[in-house]
Amino acid sequence: MWGDGDPEGVRQRAAEEMKLTARAARALGVDVVVGFTGSKIWKTVAMFPPVPESMIEDGYRDFADRWNPILDVFDEVGVKFAHEVHPSEIAYDYWTTVRTMEAIGHREAFGLNWDPSHFVWQDLDPVSFIWDFKDRIYHVDCKDAKKQVGNGRNGRMGSHLPWADPRRGWDFVSTGHGDVPWEACFRMLNTIGYDGPISVEWEDAGMDRLVGAPEALEFVRRLAFDPPAAAFDAAFASGN
């Protein structure tokens, strides 16, 4: 895809690779492809130097122009794309997700990979996010994050510090060791009828993976309970 490194050429070849990915997924019997979209306007996230609204609009238009032809192929082969809402991407928080969906006309081929680790340090509610985008949750990643901003020195942007550095404002931690309200999240996934994959995405620079990964898997399995077949008070119905 790199070729001579000309940015537009790289983008076009990457788009063709995404189309091939959809066809490969179909050949393998895979219904959902998880990934990122990139963003022409992420560099403006601080909104300084000031940028006109037309530049932001152009960023969403550029996303739609590049991704609609890709999604046409996903539709053609019956596969869906699940974008991970993630800083550096076109949809990185709640309102950018709303705007991203609007940019592509809410087409069904484009949905979301729900990964709450990127929500908690932005002070987003991962539970209400599931409810509001309940028809577009196509994949679930169980990854956790811990905020460390209470001392008045640690910043949300990470300060260019490495993972597990106590001076960071937040850090990725093993699932169940952070600030994600996991039980409420799983209950909401049951409420919306989600029955797709549940993945443990394990990242914790302060814990050995041979200890943390099995523990995270056990934690998720314990919480990924099935919804009830009937309401708990159904036994009191007059028909019974």
C-alpha atoms as a PDB file:
ATOM      1  CA  MET A   1       0.000   0.000   0.000  1.00  0.00           C
ATOM      2  CA  TRP A   2       2.874   2.397   0.685  1.00  0.00           C
ATOM      3  CA  GLY A   3       4.250   2.549  -2.853  1.00  0.00           C
ATOM      4  CA  ASP A   4       6.111   5.821  -3.315  1.00  0.00           C
ATOM      5  CA  GLY A   5       4.599   7.198  -0.108  1.00  0.00           C
ATOM      6  CA  ASP A   6       2.473   9.862  -1.764  1.00  0.00           C
ATOM      7  CA  PRO A   7      -0.336  10.336   0.815  1.00  0.00           C
ATOM      8  CA  GLU A   8      -3.239  10.286  -1.629  1.00  0.00           C
ATOM      9  CA  GLY A   9      -1.920   7.199  -3.353  1.00  0.00           C
ATOM     10  CA  VAL A  10      -1.587   5.457   0.014  1.00  0.00           C
ATOM     11  CA  ARG A  11      -5.177   6.375   0.868  1.00  0.00           C
ATOM     12  CA  GLN A  12      -6.522   5.014  -2.400  1.00  0.00           C
ATOM     13  CA  ARG A  13      -4.608   1.759  -2.094  1.00  0.00           C
ATOM     14  CA  ALA A  14      -5.732   1.420   1.522  1.00  0.00           C
ATOM     15  CA  ALA A  15      -9.341   1.861   0.401  1.00  0.00           C
ATOM     16  CA  GLU A  16      -8.914  -0.970  -2.084  1.00  0.00           C
ATOM     17  CA  GLU A  17      -7.434  -3.087   0.708  1.00  0.00           C
ATOM     18  CA  MET A  18     -10.538  -2.456   2.814  1.00  0.00           C
ATOM     19  CA  LYS A  19     -12.734  -3.628  -0.039  1.00  0.00           C
ATOM     20  CA  LEU A  20     -10.644  -6.784  -0.322  1.00  0.00           C
ATOM     21  CA  THR A  21     -10.969  -7.236   3.436  1.00  0.00           C
ATOM     22  CA  ALA A  22     -14.760  -7.263   3.134  1.00  0.00           C
ATOM     23  CA  ARG A  23     -14.584  -9.912   0.392  1.00  0.00           C
ATOM     24  CA  ALA A  24     -12.093 -11.998   2.392  1.00  0.00           C
ATOM     25  CA  ALA A  25     -14.335 -11.794   5.456  1.00  0.00           C
ATOM     26  CA  ARG A  26     -17.279 -13.073   3.457  1.00  0.00           C
ATOM     27  CA  ALA A  27     -15.192 -15.954   2.080  1.00  0.00           C
ATOM     28  CA  LEU A  28     -14.229 -16.882   5.653  1.00  0.00           C
ATOM     29  CA  GLY A  29     -17.804 -16.649   6.920  1.00  0.00           C
ATOM     30  CA  VAL A  30     -17.097 -13.543   9.003  1.00  0.00           C
ATOM     31  CA  ASP A  31     -20.003 -11.125   9.350  1.00  0.00           C
ATOM     32  CA  VAL A  32     -18.301  -8.133  10.999  1.00  0.00           C
ATOM     33  CA  VAL A  33     -14.947  -6.456  10.369  1.00  0.00           C
ATOM     34  CA  VAL A  34     -13.612  -4.267  13.193  1.00  0.00           C
ATOM     35  CA  GLY A  35     -11.319  -1.356  12.453  1.00  0.00           C
ATOM     36  CA  PHE A  36     -10.538   2.344  12.265  1.00  0.00           C
ATOM     37  CA  THR A  37     -11.377   4.964   9.657  1.00  0.00           C
ATOM     38  CA  GLY A  38      -8.751   7.634  10.169  1.00  0.00           C
ATOM     39  CA  SER A  39      -9.672  11.299  10.248  1.00  0.00           C
ATOM     40  CA  LYS A  40      -8.706  14.328   8.214  1.00  0.00           C
ATOM     41  CA  ILE A  41      -9.656  16.627  11.106  1.00  0.00           C
ATOM     42  CA  TRP A  42      -8.338  14.873  14.225  1.00  0.00           C
ATOM     43  CA  LYS A  43      -5.366  17.282  14.182  1.00  0.00           C
ATOM     44  CA  THR A  44      -7.841  20.103  14.955  1.00  0.00           C
ATOM     45  CA  VAL A  45      -9.089  18.463  18.178  1.00  0.00           C
ATOM     46  CA  ALA A  46      -7.773  21.318  20.357  1.00  0.00           C
ATOM     47  CA  MET A  47      -9.516  23.845  18.065  1.00  0.00           C
ATOM     48  CA  PHE A  48      -6.413  26.052  18.237  1.00  0.00           C
ATOM     49  CA  PRO A  49      -5.267  27.606  16.046  1.00  0.00           C
ATOM     50  CA  PRO A  50      -8.940  28.330  15.344  1.00  0.00           C
ATOM     51  CA  VAL A  51     -10.455  26.595  12.353  1.00  0.00           C
ATOM     52  CA  PRO A  52     -13.636  27.528  10.470  1.00  0.00           C
ATOM     53  CA  GLU A  53     -16.665  25.261  10.667  1.00  0.00           C
ATOM     54  CA  SER A  54     -16.234  24.684   6.936  1.00  0.00           C
ATOM     55  CA  MET A  55     -12.997  22.800   7.667  1.00  0.00           C
ATOM     56  CA  ILE A  56     -14.801  20.480  10.090  1.00  0.00           C
ATOM     57  CA  GLU A  57     -17.614  19.950   7.597  1.00  0.00           C
ATOM     58  CA  ASP A  58     -15.034  19.140   4.930  1.00  0.00           C
ATOM     59  CA  GLY A  59     -13.537  16.509   7.248  1.00  0.00           C
ATOM     60  CA  TYR A  60     -16.822  14.647   7.589  1.00  0.00           C
ATOM     61  CA  ARG A  61     -17.504  15.017   3.878  1.00  0.00           C
ATOM     62  CA  ASP A  62     -14.055  13.601   3.118  1.00  0.00           C
ATOM     63  CA  PHE A  63     -14.787  10.641   5.403  1.00  0.00           C
ATOM     64  CA  ALA A  64     -18.101   9.977   3.651  1.00  0.00           C
ATOM     65  CA  ASP A  65     -16.614  10.325   0.173  1.00  0.00           C
ATOM     66  CA  ARG A  66     -13.873   7.833   0.973  1.00  0.00           C
ATOM     67  CA  TRP A  67     -15.919   5.332   2.970  1.00  0.00           C
ATOM     68  CA  ASN A  68     -19.187   5.149   1.047  1.00  0.00           C
ATOM     69  CA  PRO A  69     -17.528   3.274  -1.868  1.00  0.00           C
ATOM     70  CA  ILE A  70     -15.907   0.925   0.650  1.00  0.00           C
ATOM     71  CA  LEU A  71     -19.237   0.345   2.383  1.00  0.00           C
ATOM     72  CA  ASP A  72     -20.839  -0.360  -1.000  1.00  0.00           C
ATOM     73  CA  VAL A  73     -18.624  -3.443  -1.185  1.00  0.00           C
ATOM     74  CA  PHE A  74     -19.465  -4.395   2.411  1.00  0.00           C
ATOM     75  CA  ASP A  75     -23.143  -4.213   1.418  1.00  0.00           C
ATOM     76  CA  GLU A  76     -22.480  -6.185  -1.736  1.00  0.00           C
ATOM     77  CA  VAL A  77     -20.991  -9.128   0.176  1.00  0.00           C
ATOM     78  CA  GLY A  78     -23.232  -8.867   3.244  1.00  0.00           C
ATOM     79  CA  VAL A  79     -20.567  -7.881   5.785  1.00  0.00           C
ATOM     80  CA  LYS A  80     -20.698  -4.986   8.261  1.00  0.00           C
ATOM     81  CA  PHE A  81     -17.927  -2.662   9.389  1.00  0.00           C
ATOM     82  CA  ALA A  82     -17.603  -1.875  13.112  1.00  0.00           C
ATOM     83  CA  HIS A  83     -15.696   1.344  13.722  1.00  0.00           C
ATOM     84  CA  GLU A  84     -13.989   1.612  17.093  1.00  0.00           C
ATOM     85  CA  VAL A  85     -14.830   4.955  18.684  1.00  0.00           C
ATOM     86  CA  HIS A  86     -11.304   6.032  19.506  1.00  0.00           C
ATOM     87  CA  PRO A  87      -9.251   9.228  19.782  1.00  0.00           C
ATOM     88  CA  SER A  88      -7.480   9.976  16.469  1.00  0.00           C
ATOM     89  CA  GLU A  89     -10.472   8.673  14.472  1.00  0.00           C
ATOM     90  CA  ILE A  90     -13.421  10.439  12.808  1.00  0.00           C
ATOM     91  CA  ALA A  91     -15.700   9.310  15.681  1.00  0.00           C
ATOM     92  CA  TYR A  92     -13.891   9.517  19.014  1.00  0.00           C
ATOM     93  CA  ASP A  93     -16.612  10.525  21.506  1.00  0.00           C
ATOM     94  CA  TYR A  94     -20.396  10.764  21.724  1.00  0.00           C
ATOM     95  CA  TRP A  95     -21.114  13.781  19.527  1.00  0.00           C
ATOM     96  CA  THR A  96     -18.530  12.926  16.899  1.00  0.00           C
ATOM     97  CA  THR A  97     -20.173   9.506  16.638  1.00  0.00           C
ATOM     98  CA  VAL A  98     -23.535  11.191  16.042  1.00  0.00           C
ATOM     99  CA  ARG A  99     -22.017  13.390  13.367  1.00  0.00           C
ATOM    100  CA  THR A 100     -20.210  10.482  11.729  1.00  0.00           C
ATOM    101  CA  MET A 101     -23.463   8.528  11.425  1.00  0.00           C
ATOM    102  CA  GLU A 102     -25.145  11.576   9.917  1.00  0.00           C
ATOM    103  CA  ALA A 103     -22.288  12.010   7.431  1.00  0.00           C
ATOM    104  CA  ILE A 104     -22.921   8.582   5.878  1.00  0.00           C
ATOM    105  CA  GLY A 105     -26.690   8.728   6.085  1.00  0.00           C
ATOM    106  CA  HIS A 106     -26.951   6.165   8.891  1.00  0.00           C
ATOM    107  CA  ARG A 107     -26.317   3.364   6.436  1.00  0.00           C
ATOM    108  CA  GLU A 108     -26.564  -0.055   8.053  1.00  0.00           C
ATOM    109  CA  ALA A 109     -23.204  -1.315   6.813  1.00  0.00           C
ATOM    110  CA  PHE A 110     -21.423   1.068   9.194  1.00  0.00           C
ATOM    111  CA  GLY A 111     -21.675   0.332  12.902  1.00  0.00           C
ATOM    112  CA  LEU A 112     -19.588   0.439  16.047  1.00  0.00           C
ATOM    113  CA  ASN A 113     -17.119  -1.566  18.029  1.00  0.00           C
ATOM    114  CA  TRP A 114     -17.963  -0.698  21.642  1.00  0.00           C
ATOM    115  CA  ASP A 115     -14.753  -0.335  23.655  1.00  0.00           C
ATOM    116  CA  PRO A 116     -15.421   1.517  26.935  1.00  0.00           C
ATOM    117  CA  SER A 117     -11.754   2.005  27.799  1.00  0.00           C
ATOM    118  CA  HIS A 118     -11.711   5.045  25.522  1.00  0.00           C
ATOM    119  CA  PHE A 119     -14.846   6.466  27.116  1.00  0.00           C
ATOM    120  CA  VAL A 120     -14.090   6.611  30.818  1.00  0.00           C
ATOM    121  CA  TRP A 121     -11.066   8.904  30.646  1.00  0.00           C
ATOM    122  CA  GLN A 122     -13.107  11.277  28.460  1.00  0.00           C
ATOM    123  CA  ASP A 123     -15.894  11.269  31.103  1.00  0.00           C
ATOM    124  CA  LEU A 124     -18.338   9.584  28.721  1.00  0.00           C
ATOM    125  CA  ASP A 125     -20.942   7.159  30.029  1.00  0.00           C
ATOM    126  CA  PRO A 126     -20.374   3.782  28.326  1.00  0.00           C
ATOM    127  CA  VAL A 127     -23.776   2.487  29.472  1.00  0.00           C
ATOM    128  CA  SER A 128     -25.909   5.227  27.919  1.00  0.00           C
ATOM    129  CA  PHE A 129     -23.743   5.008  24.792  1.00  0.00           C
ATOM    130  CA  ILE A 130     -24.887   1.394  24.360  1.00  0.00           C
ATOM    131  CA  TRP A 131     -28.517   2.442  24.704  1.00  0.00           C
ATOM    132  CA  ASP A 132     -28.323   5.400  22.343  1.00  0.00           C
ATOM    133  CA  PHE A 133     -26.520   3.434  19.628  1.00  0.00           C
ATOM    134  CA  LYS A 134     -28.230   0.122  20.334  1.00  0.00           C
ATOM    135  CA  ASP A 135     -28.934  -0.623  16.676  1.00  0.00           C
ATOM    136  CA  ARG A 136     -25.254  -0.103  15.732  1.00  0.00           C
ATOM    137  CA  ILE A 137     -23.314  -2.078  18.340  1.00  0.00           C
ATOM    138  CA  TYR A 138     -21.793  -4.731  16.085  1.00  0.00           C
ATOM    139  CA  HIS A 139     -18.869  -5.835  18.263  1.00  0.00           C
ATOM    140  CA  VAL A 140     -17.793  -5.581  21.910  1.00  0.00           C
ATOM    141  CA  ASP A 141     -14.229  -5.167  23.213  1.00  0.00           C
ATOM    142  CA  CYS A 142     -13.750  -5.576  26.953  1.00  0.00           C
ATOM    143  CA  LYS A 143     -10.845  -3.287  27.779  1.00  0.00           C
ATOM    144  CA  ASP A 144     -10.517  -1.182  30.899  1.00  0.00           C
ATOM    145  CA  ALA A 145      -8.980   2.165  31.834  1.00  0.00           C
ATOM    146  CA  LYS A 146      -8.190   3.837  35.139  1.00  0.00           C
ATOM    147  CA  LYS A 147      -8.294   7.589  35.728  1.00  0.00           C
ATOM    148  CA  GLN A 148      -5.437   9.105  37.750  1.00  0.00           C
ATOM    149  CA  VAL A 149      -6.328  12.792  37.697  1.00  0.00           C
ATOM    150  CA  GLY A 150      -7.085  13.531  41.339  1.00  0.00           C
ATOM    151  CA  ASN A 151      -3.746  15.060  42.338  1.00  0.00           C
ATOM    152  CA  GLY A 152      -4.038  18.279  40.352  1.00  0.00           C
ATOM    153  CA  ARG A 153      -0.966  17.476  38.249  1.00  0.00           C
ATOM    154  CA  ASN A 154      -1.926  14.586  35.968  1.00  0.00           C
ATOM    155  CA  GLY A 155      -3.647  15.603  32.732  1.00  0.00           C
ATOM    156  CA  ARG A 156      -6.194  13.797  30.589  1.00  0.00           C
ATOM    157  CA  MET A 157      -4.026  14.010  27.474  1.00  0.00           C
ATOM    158  CA  GLY A 158      -1.333  11.759  28.924  1.00  0.00           C
ATOM    159  CA  SER A 159       1.539  14.263  28.842  1.00  0.00           C
ATOM    160  CA  HIS A 160       3.558  12.169  26.331  1.00  0.00           C
ATOM    161  CA  LEU A 161       4.325   9.753  29.159  1.00  0.00           C
ATOM    162  CA  PRO A 162       4.603   5.968  28.709  1.00  0.00           C
ATOM    163  CA  TRP A 163       1.983   3.481  29.851  1.00  0.00           C
ATOM    164  CA  ALA A 164       2.073   2.619  33.567  1.00  0.00           C
ATOM    165  CA  ASP A 165       3.773   5.905  34.418  1.00  0.00           C
ATOM    166  CA  PRO A 166       2.045   7.232  37.584  1.00  0.00           C
ATOM    167  CA  ARG A 167       2.220  10.781  36.203  1.00  0.00           C
ATOM    168  CA  ARG A 168      -0.263   9.929  33.447  1.00  0.00           C
ATOM    169  CA  GLY A 169      -3.841  11.145  33.880  1.00  0.00           C
ATOM    170  CA  TRP A 170      -5.174   7.732  32.904  1.00  0.00           C
ATOM    171  CA  ASP A 171      -3.931   4.320  31.910  1.00  0.00           C
ATOM    172  CA  PHE A 172      -5.156   1.113  30.349  1.00  0.00           C
ATOM    173  CA  VAL A 173      -5.526  -1.662  32.917  1.00  0.00           C
ATOM    174  CA  SER A 174      -6.641  -5.268  32.913  1.00  0.00           C
ATOM    175  CA  THR A 175     -10.394  -5.727  32.583  1.00  0.00           C
ATOM    176  CA  GLY A 176     -12.065  -5.328  35.957  1.00  0.00           C
ATOM    177  CA  HIS A 177      -9.297  -3.202  37.484  1.00  0.00           C
ATOM    178  CA  GLY A 178     -10.403   0.167  36.103  1.00  0.00           C
ATOM    179  CA  ASP A 179     -13.311   2.581  36.091  1.00  0.00           C
ATOM    180  CA  VAL A 180     -15.611   0.882  33.582  1.00  0.00           C
ATOM    181  CA  PRO A 181     -18.934  -0.074  35.275  1.00  0.00           C
ATOM    182  CA  TRP A 182     -18.875  -3.551  33.803  1.00  0.00           C
ATOM    183  CA  GLU A 183     -21.976  -5.071  35.370  1.00  0.00           C
ATOM    184  CA  ALA A 184     -24.143  -2.140  34.274  1.00  0.00           C
ATOM    185  CA  CYS A 185     -22.627  -2.420  30.802  1.00  0.00           C
ATOM    186  CA  PHE A 186     -23.396  -6.132  30.479  1.00  0.00           C
ATOM    187  CA  ARG A 187     -26.908  -5.614  31.747  1.00  0.00           C
ATOM    188  CA  MET A 188     -27.417  -2.936  29.099  1.00  0.00           C
ATOM    189  CA  LEU A 189     -26.002  -5.204  26.395  1.00  0.00           C
ATOM    190  CA  ASN A 190     -28.614  -7.765  27.445  1.00  0.00           C
ATOM    191  CA  THR A 191     -31.296  -5.092  27.391  1.00  0.00           C
ATOM    192  CA  ILE A 192     -30.572  -4.163  23.770  1.00  0.00           C
ATOM    193  CA  GLY A 193     -30.440  -7.836  22.780  1.00  0.00           C
ATOM    194  CA  TYR A 194     -26.786  -7.867  21.787  1.00  0.00           C
ATOM    195  CA  ASP A 195     -25.742 -11.399  20.865  1.00  0.00           C
ATOM    196  CA  GLY A 196     -22.522 -10.772  18.946  1.00  0.00           C
ATOM    197  CA  PRO A 197     -18.896 -11.444  19.854  1.00  0.00           C
ATOM    198  CA  ILE A 198     -17.446 -10.386  23.196  1.00  0.00           C
ATOM    199  CA  SER A 199     -13.692  -9.938  23.011  1.00  0.00           C
ATOM    200  CA  VAL A 200     -11.189  -9.443  25.821  1.00  0.00           C
ATOM    201  CA  GLU A 201      -8.730  -6.836  24.589  1.00  0.00           C
ATOM    202  CA  TRP A 202      -5.976  -7.034  27.159  1.00  0.00           C
ATOM    203  CA  GLU A 203      -3.606  -4.094  27.684  1.00  0.00           C
ATOM    204  CA  ASP A 204      -1.953  -3.434  31.026  1.00  0.00           C
ATOM    205  CA  ALA A 205       1.667  -2.267  31.167  1.00  0.00           C
ATOM    206  CA  GLY A 206       1.758  -2.802  34.933  1.00  0.00           C
ATOM    207  CA  MET A 207       0.690  -6.461  35.046  1.00  0.00           C
ATOM    208  CA  ASP A 208       2.119  -9.654  33.631  1.00  0.00           C
ATOM    209  CA  ARG A 209      -0.154 -10.862  30.845  1.00  0.00           C
ATOM    210  CA  LEU A 210       0.015 -14.504  31.932  1.00  0.00           C
ATOM    211  CA  VAL A 211      -1.600 -13.399  35.188  1.00  0.00           C
ATOM    212  CA  GLY A 212      -3.876 -10.664  33.856  1.00  0.00           C
ATOM    213  CA  ALA A 213      -5.289 -12.201  30.699  1.00  0.00           C
ATOM    214  CA  PRO A 214      -6.756 -15.376  32.297  1.00  0.00           C
ATOM    215  CA  GLU A 215      -8.113 -13.294  35.172  1.00  0.00           C
ATOM    216  CA  ALA A 216      -9.748 -10.881  32.698  1.00  0.00           C
ATOM    217  CA  LEU A 217     -11.316 -13.770  30.806  1.00  0.00           C
ATOM    218  CA  GLU A 218     -12.742 -15.222  34.031  1.00  0.00           C
ATOM    219  CA  PHE A 219     -14.065 -11.782  35.011  1.00  0.00           C
ATOM    220  CA  VAL A 220     -15.858 -11.303  31.686  1.00  0.00           C
ATOM    221  CA  ARG A 221     -17.317 -14.804  31.659  1.00  0.00           C
ATOM    222  CA  ARG A 222     -18.747 -14.231  35.126  1.00  0.00           C
ATOM    223  CA  LEU A 223     -20.521 -11.051  34.042  1.00  0.00           C
ATOM    224  CA  ALA A 224     -21.621 -12.124  30.561  1.00  0.00           C
ATOM    225  CA  PHE A 225     -24.744 -13.766  31.930  1.00  0.00           C
ATOM    226  CA  ASP A 226     -27.748 -14.524  29.738  1.00  0.00           C
ATOM    227  CA  PRO A 227     -30.907 -12.454  30.146  1.00  0.00           C
ATOM    228  CA  PRO A 228     -33.810 -14.262  31.837  1.00  0.00           C
ATOM    229  CA  ALA A 229     -36.306 -16.199  29.750  1.00  0.00           C
ATOM    230  CA  ALA A 230     -39.141 -14.548  31.688  1.00  0.00           C
ATOM    231  CA  ALA A 231     -39.579 -11.735  34.181  1.00  0.00           C
ATOM    232  CA  PHE A 232     -38.791 -12.745  37.771  1.00  0.00           C
ATOM    233  CA  ASP A 233     -42.336 -11.914  38.845  1.00  0.00           C
ATOM    234  CA  ALA A 234     -44.021 -13.909  36.050  1.00  0.00           C
ATOM    235  CA  ALA A 235     -44.922 -16.603  38.569  1.00  0.00           C
ATOM    236  CA  PHE A 236     -47.459 -14.209  40.067  1.00  0.00           C
ATOM    237  CA  ALA A 237     -49.360 -13.762  36.796  1.00  0.00           C
ATOM    238  CA  SER A 238     -53.003 -14.752  36.913  1.00  0.00           C
ATOM    239  CA  GLY A 239     -52.451 -17.438  34.248  1.00  0.00           C
ATOM    240  CA  ASN A 240     -50.193 -19.292  36.649  1.00  0.00           C
END
